[in-house]
Amino acid sequence: MAYSIISCATLPSGAYEASPQYQDGKFRNATPRQAPGFLKTVAIFWRFATEKPANTVPTKPIEVEPLTQADVLAAPDQSLWRLGHSTMLLKLDGKYWLTDPVFSDRASPFQFAGPKRFHAPPLTIDELPPITGVVLSHDHYDHLDFDAIQKLAPKVEHFLTPLGVGDRLIAWGVPAAKVQQFDWWQGTSVGGVKFVATPAQHFSGRSLSDGNRTLWASWVIMAGDTRIFFSGDTGYFDGFKAIGERYGPFDLTMVETGAYDAQWPDVHMQPEESLQAHRDVRGHHMMPIHNGTFDLAMHPWHEPFDRITQLAAAANVPLVAPVMGERLDIRNPALSQSWWKSAE
């Protein structure tokens, strides 16, 4: 299927008015989400503080496969390593790419409080090879890590972001020449790899005063004949079908499957919806992400894996759920071995 790549230069701060997603100083979903409001937000935080079950964190250490820079450098092209949560390291066209790099101990504005990692990253930022590009889905703390960006900036050539997130990086000191930011359906090519920012249904912000000042996105990644879909964070919506029509089929989909709850149904997907999103974009192998690293909901930490495993088996969808640090062949990945069972 033919596709169109639209080059997008770095934008000056505030130059978002041309975006169909931008209205009255904020970005918005195609279908307005159900904003929780003050009272519901307080109730959610109170529930987290007083009713948190013990099984939202593992009782045993998470399995992590040892990984070194030498392993990464020696790996063949079309390799992928899951480093945790939504952080993936990809080797495409001989170059290295990171999605939503979070390496800090906590997904929080503070490193003394907030969701703490279940496991250390399989390798540190210092151990990473030179990174051609970082691909960001949005600016929440479990996807955009200030300390990681500071450490990565000198060794990264390109930062690809949704509108507004790039301006945040520039404000943090990332050289503007390294930053490109995109509206939905816009993209760029770097070497032999093509990237398109595609729609998602979510929200943004890092404080009480900056809600939806930046855009959120999913991403299509194309390297030669290989096509990958990275969902970022999103509720289920009809945009998945549009993505599948324009860019599918995909060899691998990395789809948010975790941190869901009935109280926020339109910004995170239940596993049944994650599977449907995979099918909507016309994916082959499905990798459930946004799980296994941080405690961000009320469900048992392993529940997303358990549910999606059952659902995928019933639908004959090949499921890929690698151990953190395990190398995957993107075109022919090893299927899930239910590693999380040993840490329940």
C-alpha atoms as a PDB file:
ATOM      1  CA  MET A   1       0.000   0.000   0.000  1.00  0.00           C
ATOM      2  CA  ALA A   2       1.324   3.460  -0.848  1.00  0.00           C
ATOM      3  CA  TYR A   3       2.160   5.836   1.956  1.00  0.00           C
ATOM      4  CA  SER A   4       2.944   9.509   2.250  1.00  0.00           C
ATOM      5  CA  ILE A   5       5.740  10.906   4.415  1.00  0.00           C
ATOM      6  CA  ILE A   6       5.500  14.597   5.251  1.00  0.00           C
ATOM      7  CA  SER A   7       8.676  16.258   6.453  1.00  0.00           C
ATOM      8  CA  CYS A   8       8.175  18.527   9.442  1.00  0.00           C
ATOM      9  CA  ALA A   9      10.812  20.951  10.635  1.00  0.00           C
ATOM     10  CA  THR A  10      11.265  21.877  14.270  1.00  0.00           C
ATOM     11  CA  LEU A  11       8.477  24.232  15.290  1.00  0.00           C
ATOM     12  CA  PRO A  12       8.762  27.378  17.374  1.00  0.00           C
ATOM     13  CA  SER A  13       6.941  27.255  20.676  1.00  0.00           C
ATOM     14  CA  GLY A  14       3.225  27.979  20.300  1.00  0.00           C
ATOM     15  CA  ALA A  15       3.041  27.301  16.568  1.00  0.00           C
ATOM     16  CA  TYR A  16       0.300  24.688  16.851  1.00  0.00           C
ATOM     17  CA  GLU A  17      -2.743  26.582  15.594  1.00  0.00           C
ATOM     18  CA  ALA A  18      -2.681  24.805  12.222  1.00  0.00           C
ATOM     19  CA  SER A  19      -3.191  21.442  13.892  1.00  0.00           C
ATOM     20  CA  PRO A  20      -6.749  20.047  13.755  1.00  0.00           C
ATOM     21  CA  GLN A  21      -6.011  18.622  17.222  1.00  0.00           C
ATOM     22  CA  TYR A  22      -5.372  22.082  18.732  1.00  0.00           C
ATOM     23  CA  GLN A  23      -8.190  24.238  20.048  1.00  0.00           C
ATOM     24  CA  ASP A  24      -8.394  27.004  22.662  1.00  0.00           C
ATOM     25  CA  GLY A  25      -4.768  26.581  23.690  1.00  0.00           C
ATOM     26  CA  LYS A  26      -4.894  22.813  24.210  1.00  0.00           C
ATOM     27  CA  PHE A  27      -4.711  19.589  22.253  1.00  0.00           C
ATOM     28  CA  ARG A  28      -7.702  17.281  22.179  1.00  0.00           C
ATOM     29  CA  ASN A  29      -8.781  13.846  21.059  1.00  0.00           C
ATOM     30  CA  ALA A  30     -10.923  13.329  17.982  1.00  0.00           C
ATOM     31  CA  THR A  31     -13.644  12.201  20.413  1.00  0.00           C
ATOM     32  CA  PRO A  32     -13.498  14.150  23.696  1.00  0.00           C
ATOM     33  CA  ARG A  33     -12.455  11.960  26.622  1.00  0.00           C
ATOM     34  CA  GLN A  34     -14.424  11.720  29.839  1.00  0.00           C
ATOM     35  CA  ALA A  35     -12.481  14.150  32.022  1.00  0.00           C
ATOM     36  CA  PRO A  36     -12.638  12.809  35.600  1.00  0.00           C
ATOM     37  CA  GLY A  37     -13.105  16.197  37.266  1.00  0.00           C
ATOM     38  CA  PHE A  38     -11.772  17.256  40.650  1.00  0.00           C
ATOM     39  CA  LEU A  39     -13.886  15.027  42.904  1.00  0.00           C
ATOM     40  CA  LYS A  40     -13.325  11.854  40.875  1.00  0.00           C
ATOM     41  CA  THR A  41      -9.603  12.599  40.670  1.00  0.00           C
ATOM     42  CA  VAL A  42      -9.424  12.956  44.458  1.00  0.00           C
ATOM     43  CA  ALA A  43     -11.389   9.708  44.828  1.00  0.00           C
ATOM     44  CA  ILE A  44      -8.963   7.883  42.526  1.00  0.00           C
ATOM     45  CA  PHE A  45      -5.949   9.102  44.514  1.00  0.00           C
ATOM     46  CA  TRP A  46      -7.663   8.170  47.786  1.00  0.00           C
ATOM     47  CA  ARG A  47      -8.349   4.680  46.458  1.00  0.00           C
ATOM     48  CA  PHE A  48      -4.703   4.321  45.462  1.00  0.00           C
ATOM     49  CA  ALA A  49      -3.602   5.457  48.918  1.00  0.00           C
ATOM     50  CA  THR A  50      -5.981   3.348  51.006  1.00  0.00           C
ATOM     51  CA  GLU A  51      -7.117   0.334  48.977  1.00  0.00           C
ATOM     52  CA  LYS A  52      -4.001  -0.742  47.079  1.00  0.00           C
ATOM     53  CA  PRO A  53      -3.809  -4.563  46.950  1.00  0.00           C
ATOM     54  CA  ALA A  54      -0.492  -6.219  47.769  1.00  0.00           C
ATOM     55  CA  ASN A  55      -0.404  -8.093  44.460  1.00  0.00           C
ATOM     56  CA  THR A  56       0.106  -4.992  42.344  1.00  0.00           C
ATOM     57  CA  VAL A  57       3.860  -5.592  42.788  1.00  0.00           C
ATOM     58  CA  PRO A  58       5.785  -8.874  42.313  1.00  0.00           C
ATOM     59  CA  THR A  59       6.605 -11.026  45.325  1.00  0.00           C
ATOM     60  CA  LYS A  60       9.854 -12.196  43.701  1.00  0.00           C
ATOM     61  CA  PRO A  61      12.448 -10.454  41.517  1.00  0.00           C
ATOM     62  CA  ILE A  62      11.457  -9.964  37.888  1.00  0.00           C
ATOM     63  CA  GLU A  63      13.521 -12.038  35.464  1.00  0.00           C
ATOM     64  CA  VAL A  64      15.945  -9.869  33.486  1.00  0.00           C
ATOM     65  CA  GLU A  65      18.249 -11.350  30.856  1.00  0.00           C
ATOM     66  CA  PRO A  66      21.806  -9.989  31.109  1.00  0.00           C
ATOM     67  CA  LEU A  67      22.598  -7.603  28.271  1.00  0.00           C
ATOM     68  CA  THR A  68      25.786  -5.780  27.333  1.00  0.00           C
ATOM     69  CA  GLN A  69      26.728  -3.208  24.738  1.00  0.00           C
ATOM     70  CA  ALA A  70      28.787  -5.899  23.020  1.00  0.00           C
ATOM     71  CA  ASP A  71      25.653  -8.059  22.721  1.00  0.00           C
ATOM     72  CA  VAL A  72      23.753  -5.188  21.147  1.00  0.00           C
ATOM     73  CA  LEU A  73      26.529  -4.277  18.737  1.00  0.00           C
ATOM     74  CA  ALA A  74      26.944  -7.897  17.634  1.00  0.00           C
ATOM     75  CA  ALA A  75      23.216  -8.489  17.136  1.00  0.00           C
ATOM     76  CA  PRO A  76      21.844  -8.772  13.605  1.00  0.00           C
ATOM     77  CA  ASP A  77      19.693  -6.105  12.039  1.00  0.00           C
ATOM     78  CA  GLN A  78      15.948  -6.263  12.747  1.00  0.00           C
ATOM     79  CA  SER A  79      16.605  -6.890  16.468  1.00  0.00           C
ATOM     80  CA  LEU A  80      14.561  -5.587  19.398  1.00  0.00           C
ATOM     81  CA  TRP A  81      15.122  -5.586  23.148  1.00  0.00           C
ATOM     82  CA  ARG A  82      12.498  -4.684  25.723  1.00  0.00           C
ATOM     83  CA  LEU A  83      14.186  -2.647  28.466  1.00  0.00           C
ATOM     84  CA  GLY A  84      11.025  -2.134  30.531  1.00  0.00           C
ATOM     85  CA  HIS A  85       7.518  -0.635  30.459  1.00  0.00           C
ATOM     86  CA  SER A  86       7.310   1.104  27.034  1.00  0.00           C
ATOM     87  CA  THR A  87      11.075   1.415  26.535  1.00  0.00           C
ATOM     88  CA  MET A  88      12.276  -0.572  23.538  1.00  0.00           C
ATOM     89  CA  LEU A  89      15.702  -0.615  21.888  1.00  0.00           C
ATOM     90  CA  LEU A  90      15.527  -1.404  18.170  1.00  0.00           C
ATOM     91  CA  LYS A  91      18.268  -2.094  15.647  1.00  0.00           C
ATOM     92  CA  LEU A  92      17.033  -1.098  12.198  1.00  0.00           C
ATOM     93  CA  ASP A  93      19.062  -0.388   9.072  1.00  0.00           C
ATOM     94  CA  GLY A  94      22.202  -0.787  11.159  1.00  0.00           C
ATOM     95  CA  LYS A  95      21.177   2.010  13.533  1.00  0.00           C
ATOM     96  CA  TYR A  96      19.749   2.092  17.039  1.00  0.00           C
ATOM     97  CA  TRP A  97      16.450   3.589  18.174  1.00  0.00           C
ATOM     98  CA  LEU A  98      14.767   3.976  21.565  1.00  0.00           C
ATOM     99  CA  THR A  99      11.069   4.365  22.308  1.00  0.00           C
ATOM    100  CA  ASP A 100       9.913   6.294  25.399  1.00  0.00           C
ATOM    101  CA  PRO A 101      13.192   5.858  27.313  1.00  0.00           C
ATOM    102  CA  VAL A 102      12.621   5.669  31.073  1.00  0.00           C
ATOM    103  CA  PHE A 103      15.647   4.582  33.114  1.00  0.00           C
ATOM    104  CA  SER A 104      14.956   6.245  36.481  1.00  0.00           C
ATOM    105  CA  ASP A 105      13.976   4.259  39.576  1.00  0.00           C
ATOM    106  CA  ARG A 106      10.568   5.942  39.758  1.00  0.00           C
ATOM    107  CA  ALA A 107       8.036   7.161  37.198  1.00  0.00           C
ATOM    108  CA  SER A 108       7.468  10.332  39.146  1.00  0.00           C
ATOM    109  CA  PRO A 109       8.521  13.973  39.459  1.00  0.00           C
ATOM    110  CA  PHE A 110      10.302  12.865  42.647  1.00  0.00           C
ATOM    111  CA  GLN A 111      12.785  10.047  43.096  1.00  0.00           C
ATOM    112  CA  PHE A 112      11.775   9.572  46.744  1.00  0.00           C
ATOM    113  CA  ALA A 113       8.100   8.846  46.007  1.00  0.00           C
ATOM    114  CA  GLY A 114       5.905   7.489  43.254  1.00  0.00           C
ATOM    115  CA  PRO A 115       5.784   4.235  41.273  1.00  0.00           C
ATOM    116  CA  LYS A 116       9.081   2.359  41.734  1.00  0.00           C
ATOM    117  CA  ARG A 117      10.591   0.003  39.177  1.00  0.00           C
ATOM    118  CA  PHE A 118      10.131  -3.737  39.645  1.00  0.00           C
ATOM    119  CA  HIS A 119      13.481  -4.357  37.960  1.00  0.00           C
ATOM    120  CA  ALA A 120      16.593  -2.499  36.860  1.00  0.00           C
ATOM    121  CA  PRO A 121      16.980  -1.756  33.150  1.00  0.00           C
ATOM    122  CA  PRO A 122      18.880  -4.574  31.408  1.00  0.00           C
ATOM    123  CA  LEU A 123      21.590  -2.061  30.538  1.00  0.00           C
ATOM    124  CA  THR A 124      22.311   1.516  31.574  1.00  0.00           C
ATOM    125  CA  ILE A 125      22.334   4.622  29.417  1.00  0.00           C
ATOM    126  CA  ASP A 126      26.141   4.620  29.573  1.00  0.00           C
ATOM    127  CA  GLU A 127      26.141   1.073  28.192  1.00  0.00           C
ATOM    128  CA  LEU A 128      23.903   1.899  25.231  1.00  0.00           C
ATOM    129  CA  PRO A 129      25.452   2.132  21.777  1.00  0.00           C
ATOM    130  CA  PRO A 130      25.227   5.472  19.959  1.00  0.00           C
ATOM    131  CA  ILE A 131      21.525   6.134  19.415  1.00  0.00           C
ATOM    132  CA  THR A 132      20.360   7.461  16.064  1.00  0.00           C
ATOM    133  CA  GLY A 133      16.957   8.458  17.391  1.00  0.00           C
ATOM    134  CA  VAL A 134      14.574   8.580  20.335  1.00  0.00           C
ATOM    135  CA  VAL A 135      10.863   8.252  19.541  1.00  0.00           C
ATOM    136  CA  LEU A 136       8.500   9.728  22.140  1.00  0.00           C
ATOM    137  CA  SER A 137       4.756   9.120  22.401  1.00  0.00           C
ATOM    138  CA  HIS A 138       3.840  11.774  25.012  1.00  0.00           C
ATOM    139  CA  ASP A 139       5.114  13.584  28.079  1.00  0.00           C
ATOM    140  CA  HIS A 140       3.828  11.579  31.070  1.00  0.00           C
ATOM    141  CA  TYR A 141       6.453  10.588  33.622  1.00  0.00           C
ATOM    142  CA  ASP A 142       6.398   6.894  32.754  1.00  0.00           C
ATOM    143  CA  HIS A 143       7.235   7.773  29.127  1.00  0.00           C
ATOM    144  CA  LEU A 144       9.322  10.939  29.324  1.00  0.00           C
ATOM    145  CA  ASP A 145      12.115  10.755  31.899  1.00  0.00           C
ATOM    146  CA  PHE A 146      13.922  14.055  32.490  1.00  0.00           C
ATOM    147  CA  ASP A 147      17.115  12.475  33.837  1.00  0.00           C
ATOM    148  CA  ALA A 148      17.227   9.994  30.974  1.00  0.00           C
ATOM    149  CA  ILE A 149      16.826  12.756  28.393  1.00  0.00           C
ATOM    150  CA  GLN A 150      19.650  14.735  29.989  1.00  0.00           C
ATOM    151  CA  LYS A 151      21.975  11.734  29.827  1.00  0.00           C
ATOM    152  CA  LEU A 152      20.867  10.643  26.369  1.00  0.00           C
ATOM    153  CA  ALA A 153      21.045  14.051  24.667  1.00  0.00           C
ATOM    154  CA  PRO A 154      24.797  13.956  23.910  1.00  0.00           C
ATOM    155  CA  LYS A 155      24.635  10.486  22.335  1.00  0.00           C
ATOM    156  CA  VAL A 156      21.359  10.839  20.379  1.00  0.00           C
ATOM    157  CA  GLU A 157      21.209  12.345  16.876  1.00  0.00           C
ATOM    158  CA  HIS A 158      17.419  12.811  16.576  1.00  0.00           C
ATOM    159  CA  PHE A 159      14.463  13.199  18.916  1.00  0.00           C
ATOM    160  CA  LEU A 160      11.114  12.556  17.199  1.00  0.00           C
ATOM    161  CA  THR A 161       8.106  13.779  19.179  1.00  0.00           C
ATOM    162  CA  PRO A 162       4.462  14.825  18.925  1.00  0.00           C
ATOM    163  CA  LEU A 163       3.772  18.568  18.764  1.00  0.00           C
ATOM    164  CA  GLY A 164       4.847  20.409  21.884  1.00  0.00           C
ATOM    165  CA  VAL A 165       6.882  17.594  23.408  1.00  0.00           C
ATOM    166  CA  GLY A 166       9.820  18.720  21.314  1.00  0.00           C
ATOM    167  CA  ASP A 167       9.550  22.223  22.752  1.00  0.00           C
ATOM    168  CA  ARG A 168       9.698  20.695  26.212  1.00  0.00           C
ATOM    169  CA  LEU A 169      12.935  18.920  25.291  1.00  0.00           C
ATOM    170  CA  ILE A 170      14.420  22.123  23.928  1.00  0.00           C
ATOM    171  CA  ALA A 171      13.485  23.905  27.168  1.00  0.00           C
ATOM    172  CA  TRP A 172      15.377  21.138  28.992  1.00  0.00           C
ATOM    173  CA  GLY A 173      18.509  21.910  27.012  1.00  0.00           C
ATOM    174  CA  VAL A 174      18.316  19.453  24.112  1.00  0.00           C
ATOM    175  CA  PRO A 175      19.747  21.225  21.042  1.00  0.00           C
ATOM    176  CA  ALA A 176      16.886  22.382  18.814  1.00  0.00           C
ATOM    177  CA  ALA A 177      18.678  21.021  15.744  1.00  0.00           C
ATOM    178  CA  LYS A 178      18.210  17.509  17.123  1.00  0.00           C
ATOM    179  CA  VAL A 179      14.466  17.857  17.670  1.00  0.00           C
ATOM    180  CA  GLN A 180      11.662  17.227  15.195  1.00  0.00           C
ATOM    181  CA  GLN A 181       8.009  17.309  16.233  1.00  0.00           C
ATOM    182  CA  PHE A 182       4.955  16.183  14.340  1.00  0.00           C
ATOM    183  CA  ASP A 183       1.202  16.337  14.150  1.00  0.00           C
ATOM    184  CA  TRP A 184      -0.773  13.147  13.484  1.00  0.00           C
ATOM    185  CA  TRP A 185      -0.154  11.700  10.018  1.00  0.00           C
ATOM    186  CA  GLN A 186       3.121  13.605   9.656  1.00  0.00           C
ATOM    187  CA  GLY A 187       6.507  11.950   9.597  1.00  0.00           C
ATOM    188  CA  THR A 188      10.074  11.852   8.425  1.00  0.00           C
ATOM    189  CA  SER A 189      12.791   9.534   7.132  1.00  0.00           C
ATOM    190  CA  VAL A 190      16.142   9.078   8.832  1.00  0.00           C
ATOM    191  CA  GLY A 191      18.495   7.038   6.696  1.00  0.00           C
ATOM    192  CA  GLY A 192      16.526   4.023   5.584  1.00  0.00           C
ATOM    193  CA  VAL A 193      13.918   4.163   8.345  1.00  0.00           C
ATOM    194  CA  LYS A 194      10.606   5.992   8.052  1.00  0.00           C
ATOM    195  CA  PHE A 195       8.517   7.244  10.993  1.00  0.00           C
ATOM    196  CA  VAL A 196       4.938   8.504  11.033  1.00  0.00           C
ATOM    197  CA  ALA A 197       3.185   9.975  14.085  1.00  0.00           C
ATOM    198  CA  THR A 198      -0.298   8.486  14.089  1.00  0.00           C
ATOM    199  CA  PRO A 199      -3.392   9.180  16.208  1.00  0.00           C
ATOM    200  CA  ALA A 200      -3.907   8.002  19.770  1.00  0.00           C
ATOM    201  CA  GLN A 201      -6.615   8.660  22.343  1.00  0.00           C
ATOM    202  CA  HIS A 202      -4.982   9.915  25.524  1.00  0.00           C
ATOM    203  CA  PHE A 203      -3.971  13.147  27.289  1.00  0.00           C
ATOM    204  CA  SER A 204      -0.787  14.905  28.400  1.00  0.00           C
ATOM    205  CA  GLY A 205       0.797  16.991  31.129  1.00  0.00           C
ATOM    206  CA  ARG A 206       3.364  16.825  33.893  1.00  0.00           C
ATOM    207  CA  SER A 207       1.700  19.079  36.477  1.00  0.00           C
ATOM    208  CA  LEU A 208      -1.696  20.381  37.531  1.00  0.00           C
ATOM    209  CA  SER A 209      -1.319  23.435  35.303  1.00  0.00           C
ATOM    210  CA  ASP A 210      -0.115  22.097  31.925  1.00  0.00           C
ATOM    211  CA  GLY A 211      -2.758  19.568  30.956  1.00  0.00           C
ATOM    212  CA  ASN A 212      -2.965  18.827  27.208  1.00  0.00           C
ATOM    213  CA  ARG A 213      -0.461  21.546  26.285  1.00  0.00           C
ATOM    214  CA  THR A 214       1.408  18.910  24.249  1.00  0.00           C
ATOM    215  CA  LEU A 215       0.144  16.291  21.810  1.00  0.00           C
ATOM    216  CA  TRP A 216       0.212  12.493  22.225  1.00  0.00           C
ATOM    217  CA  ALA A 217       0.693   9.956  19.429  1.00  0.00           C
ATOM    218  CA  SER A 218       1.238   6.400  18.366  1.00  0.00           C
ATOM    219  CA  TRP A 219       3.963   5.662  15.807  1.00  0.00           C
ATOM    220  CA  VAL A 220       4.413   3.701  12.611  1.00  0.00           C
ATOM    221  CA  ILE A 221       7.998   2.573  11.985  1.00  0.00           C
ATOM    222  CA  MET A 222       9.050   1.247   8.566  1.00  0.00           C
ATOM    223  CA  ALA A 223      12.450  -0.194   7.693  1.00  0.00           C
ATOM    224  CA  GLY A 224      12.598  -1.774   4.275  1.00  0.00           C
ATOM    225  CA  ASP A 225       9.760  -4.287   4.127  1.00  0.00           C
ATOM    226  CA  THR A 226       9.420  -4.392   7.928  1.00  0.00           C
ATOM    227  CA  ARG A 227       6.546  -2.512   9.539  1.00  0.00           C
ATOM    228  CA  ILE A 228       6.161  -1.944  13.280  1.00  0.00           C
ATOM    229  CA  PHE A 229       3.376  -0.245  15.198  1.00  0.00           C
ATOM    230  CA  PHE A 230       4.048   1.380  18.589  1.00  0.00           C
ATOM    231  CA  SER A 231       0.821   2.387  20.329  1.00  0.00           C
ATOM    232  CA  GLY A 232       2.182   4.656  23.051  1.00  0.00           C
ATOM    233  CA  ASP A 233      -0.625   5.186  25.574  1.00  0.00           C
ATOM    234  CA  THR A 234      -4.178   5.159  24.289  1.00  0.00           C
ATOM    235  CA  GLY A 235      -7.751   4.181  24.842  1.00  0.00           C
ATOM    236  CA  TYR A 236      -9.499   2.111  22.215  1.00  0.00           C
ATOM    237  CA  PHE A 237     -10.882   4.166  19.302  1.00  0.00           C
ATOM    238  CA  ASP A 238     -11.634   3.938  15.612  1.00  0.00           C
ATOM    239  CA  GLY A 239      -8.293   5.514  14.727  1.00  0.00           C
ATOM    240  CA  PHE A 240      -6.678   2.064  14.837  1.00  0.00           C
ATOM    241  CA  LYS A 241      -8.654   1.004  11.788  1.00  0.00           C
ATOM    242  CA  ALA A 242      -7.539   4.135   9.925  1.00  0.00           C
ATOM    243  CA  ILE A 243      -3.903   3.366  10.804  1.00  0.00           C
ATOM    244  CA  GLY A 244      -4.311  -0.199   9.573  1.00  0.00           C
ATOM    245  CA  GLU A 245      -5.880   0.970   6.338  1.00  0.00           C
ATOM    246  CA  ARG A 246      -3.067   3.440   5.635  1.00  0.00           C
ATOM    247  CA  TYR A 247      -0.010   1.525   6.841  1.00  0.00           C
ATOM    248  CA  GLY A 248      -0.896  -2.078   7.656  1.00  0.00           C
ATOM    249  CA  PRO A 249      -0.233  -4.900   7.741  1.00  0.00           C
ATOM    250  CA  PHE A 250       2.394  -4.800  10.503  1.00  0.00           C
ATOM    251  CA  ASP A 251       4.953  -7.486  11.258  1.00  0.00           C
ATOM    252  CA  LEU A 252       4.914  -6.535  14.941  1.00  0.00           C
ATOM    253  CA  THR A 253       2.608  -4.397  17.055  1.00  0.00           C
ATOM    254  CA  MET A 254       3.727  -3.094  20.431  1.00  0.00           C
ATOM    255  CA  VAL A 255       0.378  -2.390  22.072  1.00  0.00           C
ATOM    256  CA  GLU A 256      -0.407  -0.891  25.471  1.00  0.00           C
ATOM    257  CA  THR A 257      -1.762  -3.665  27.730  1.00  0.00           C
ATOM    258  CA  GLY A 258      -1.614  -2.601  31.351  1.00  0.00           C
ATOM    259  CA  ALA A 259      -2.467   0.113  33.903  1.00  0.00           C
ATOM    260  CA  TYR A 260      -6.126  -0.118  32.927  1.00  0.00           C
ATOM    261  CA  ASP A 261      -9.145   0.541  35.133  1.00  0.00           C
ATOM    262  CA  ALA A 262     -12.874   1.038  34.707  1.00  0.00           C
ATOM    263  CA  GLN A 263     -12.448   4.565  36.102  1.00  0.00           C
ATOM    264  CA  TRP A 264     -10.338   5.694  33.136  1.00  0.00           C
ATOM    265  CA  PRO A 265     -11.789   3.676  30.229  1.00  0.00           C
ATOM    266  CA  ASP A 266     -10.998   6.035  27.378  1.00  0.00           C
ATOM    267  CA  VAL A 267      -7.260   6.638  27.955  1.00  0.00           C
ATOM    268  CA  HIS A 268      -5.990   3.081  28.605  1.00  0.00           C
ATOM    269  CA  MET A 269      -7.227  -0.148  27.058  1.00  0.00           C
ATOM    270  CA  GLN A 270      -8.528  -3.294  28.675  1.00  0.00           C
ATOM    271  CA  PRO A 271      -6.739  -6.394  27.272  1.00  0.00           C
ATOM    272  CA  GLU A 272      -9.742  -7.213  25.083  1.00  0.00           C
ATOM    273  CA  GLU A 273      -9.407  -3.776  23.515  1.00  0.00           C
ATOM    274  CA  SER A 274      -5.639  -4.147  23.122  1.00  0.00           C
ATOM    275  CA  LEU A 275      -6.189  -7.321  21.137  1.00  0.00           C
ATOM    276  CA  GLN A 276      -8.814  -5.594  18.999  1.00  0.00           C
ATOM    277  CA  ALA A 277      -6.433  -2.672  18.374  1.00  0.00           C
ATOM    278  CA  HIS A 278      -3.815  -5.157  17.181  1.00  0.00           C
ATOM    279  CA  ARG A 279      -6.335  -6.672  14.804  1.00  0.00           C
ATOM    280  CA  ASP A 280      -7.585  -3.271  13.646  1.00  0.00           C
ATOM    281  CA  VAL A 281      -4.125  -2.136  12.561  1.00  0.00           C
ATOM    282  CA  ARG A 282      -3.686  -5.497  10.856  1.00  0.00           C
ATOM    283  CA  GLY A 283      -0.856  -6.800  12.987  1.00  0.00           C
ATOM    284  CA  HIS A 284       0.722 -10.257  12.860  1.00  0.00           C
ATOM    285  CA  HIS A 285       2.790 -10.721  16.029  1.00  0.00           C
ATOM    286  CA  MET A 286       1.531  -8.790  19.068  1.00  0.00           C
ATOM    287  CA  MET A 287       3.742  -7.568  21.921  1.00  0.00           C
ATOM    288  CA  PRO A 288       1.868  -6.328  25.018  1.00  0.00           C
ATOM    289  CA  ILE A 289       3.722  -3.375  26.562  1.00  0.00           C
ATOM    290  CA  HIS A 290       3.127  -0.787  29.323  1.00  0.00           C
ATOM    291  CA  ASN A 291       3.355  -3.540  31.928  1.00  0.00           C
ATOM    292  CA  GLY A 292       5.845  -5.475  34.031  1.00  0.00           C
ATOM    293  CA  THR A 293       7.866  -2.488  35.280  1.00  0.00           C
ATOM    294  CA  PHE A 294       5.746   0.014  37.258  1.00  0.00           C
ATOM    295  CA  ASP A 295       2.739  -0.247  39.580  1.00  0.00           C
ATOM    296  CA  LEU A 296       0.292   2.160  37.931  1.00  0.00           C
ATOM    297  CA  ALA A 297      -3.127   0.610  38.594  1.00  0.00           C
ATOM    298  CA  MET A 298      -5.163  -1.502  41.007  1.00  0.00           C
ATOM    299  CA  HIS A 299      -4.977  -4.787  39.120  1.00  0.00           C
ATOM    300  CA  PRO A 300      -2.418  -7.516  39.947  1.00  0.00           C
ATOM    301  CA  TRP A 301       0.862  -6.702  38.218  1.00  0.00           C
ATOM    302  CA  HIS A 302       0.763  -9.940  36.185  1.00  0.00           C
ATOM    303  CA  GLU A 303      -2.916  -9.711  35.224  1.00  0.00           C
ATOM    304  CA  PRO A 304      -2.326  -7.939  31.871  1.00  0.00           C
ATOM    305  CA  PHE A 305      -0.017 -10.789  30.795  1.00  0.00           C
ATOM    306  CA  ASP A 306      -2.449 -13.471  31.972  1.00  0.00           C
ATOM    307  CA  ARG A 307      -5.478 -11.942  30.290  1.00  0.00           C
ATOM    308  CA  ILE A 308      -3.846 -11.105  26.971  1.00  0.00           C
ATOM    309  CA  THR A 309      -2.283 -14.586  26.819  1.00  0.00           C
ATOM    310  CA  GLN A 310      -5.707 -16.210  27.089  1.00  0.00           C
ATOM    311  CA  LEU A 311      -7.303 -13.799  24.650  1.00  0.00           C
ATOM    312  CA  ALA A 312      -4.549 -14.110  22.052  1.00  0.00           C
ATOM    313  CA  ALA A 313      -4.623 -17.914  22.243  1.00  0.00           C
ATOM    314  CA  ALA A 314      -8.385 -17.948  21.689  1.00  0.00           C
ATOM    315  CA  ALA A 315      -7.998 -15.619  18.686  1.00  0.00           C
ATOM    316  CA  ASN A 316      -4.969 -17.460  17.225  1.00  0.00           C
ATOM    317  CA  VAL A 317      -2.859 -14.312  17.515  1.00  0.00           C
ATOM    318  CA  PRO A 318       0.862 -15.063  17.998  1.00  0.00           C
ATOM    319  CA  LEU A 319       1.858 -13.345  21.254  1.00  0.00           C
ATOM    320  CA  VAL A 320       5.354 -12.045  21.950  1.00  0.00           C
ATOM    321  CA  ALA A 321       6.131 -11.262  25.597  1.00  0.00           C
ATOM    322  CA  PRO A 322       9.920 -11.366  25.993  1.00  0.00           C
ATOM    323  CA  VAL A 323      11.924 -11.385  29.182  1.00  0.00           C
ATOM    324  CA  MET A 324      13.347  -7.916  29.822  1.00  0.00           C
ATOM    325  CA  GLY A 325      16.651  -7.778  27.948  1.00  0.00           C
ATOM    326  CA  GLU A 326      15.899 -10.722  25.656  1.00  0.00           C
ATOM    327  CA  ARG A 327      16.732 -10.186  21.981  1.00  0.00           C
ATOM    328  CA  LEU A 328      13.898 -10.605  19.520  1.00  0.00           C
ATOM    329  CA  ASP A 329      14.009 -11.068  15.779  1.00  0.00           C
ATOM    330  CA  ILE A 330      11.385  -8.532  14.698  1.00  0.00           C
ATOM    331  CA  ARG A 331      10.380 -10.479  11.588  1.00  0.00           C
ATOM    332  CA  ASN A 332      10.273 -13.860  13.353  1.00  0.00           C
ATOM    333  CA  PRO A 333      10.106 -13.300  17.123  1.00  0.00           C
ATOM    334  CA  ALA A 334      10.023 -16.103  19.667  1.00  0.00           C
ATOM    335  CA  LEU A 335       6.575 -16.557  21.172  1.00  0.00           C
ATOM    336  CA  SER A 336       5.750 -15.895  24.810  1.00  0.00           C
ATOM    337  CA  GLN A 337       6.999 -18.373  27.438  1.00  0.00           C
ATOM    338  CA  SER A 338       4.992 -16.842  30.335  1.00  0.00           C
ATOM    339  CA  TRP A 339       8.116 -15.812  32.250  1.00  0.00           C
ATOM    340  CA  TRP A 340       6.032 -13.760  34.732  1.00  0.00           C
ATOM    341  CA  LYS A 341       4.607 -16.901  36.315  1.00  0.00           C
ATOM    342  CA  SER A 342       7.821 -17.365  38.289  1.00  0.00           C
ATOM    343  CA  ALA A 343       7.436 -13.946  39.972  1.00  0.00           C
ATOM    344  CA  GLU A 344       3.731 -13.957  40.815  1.00  0.00           C
END
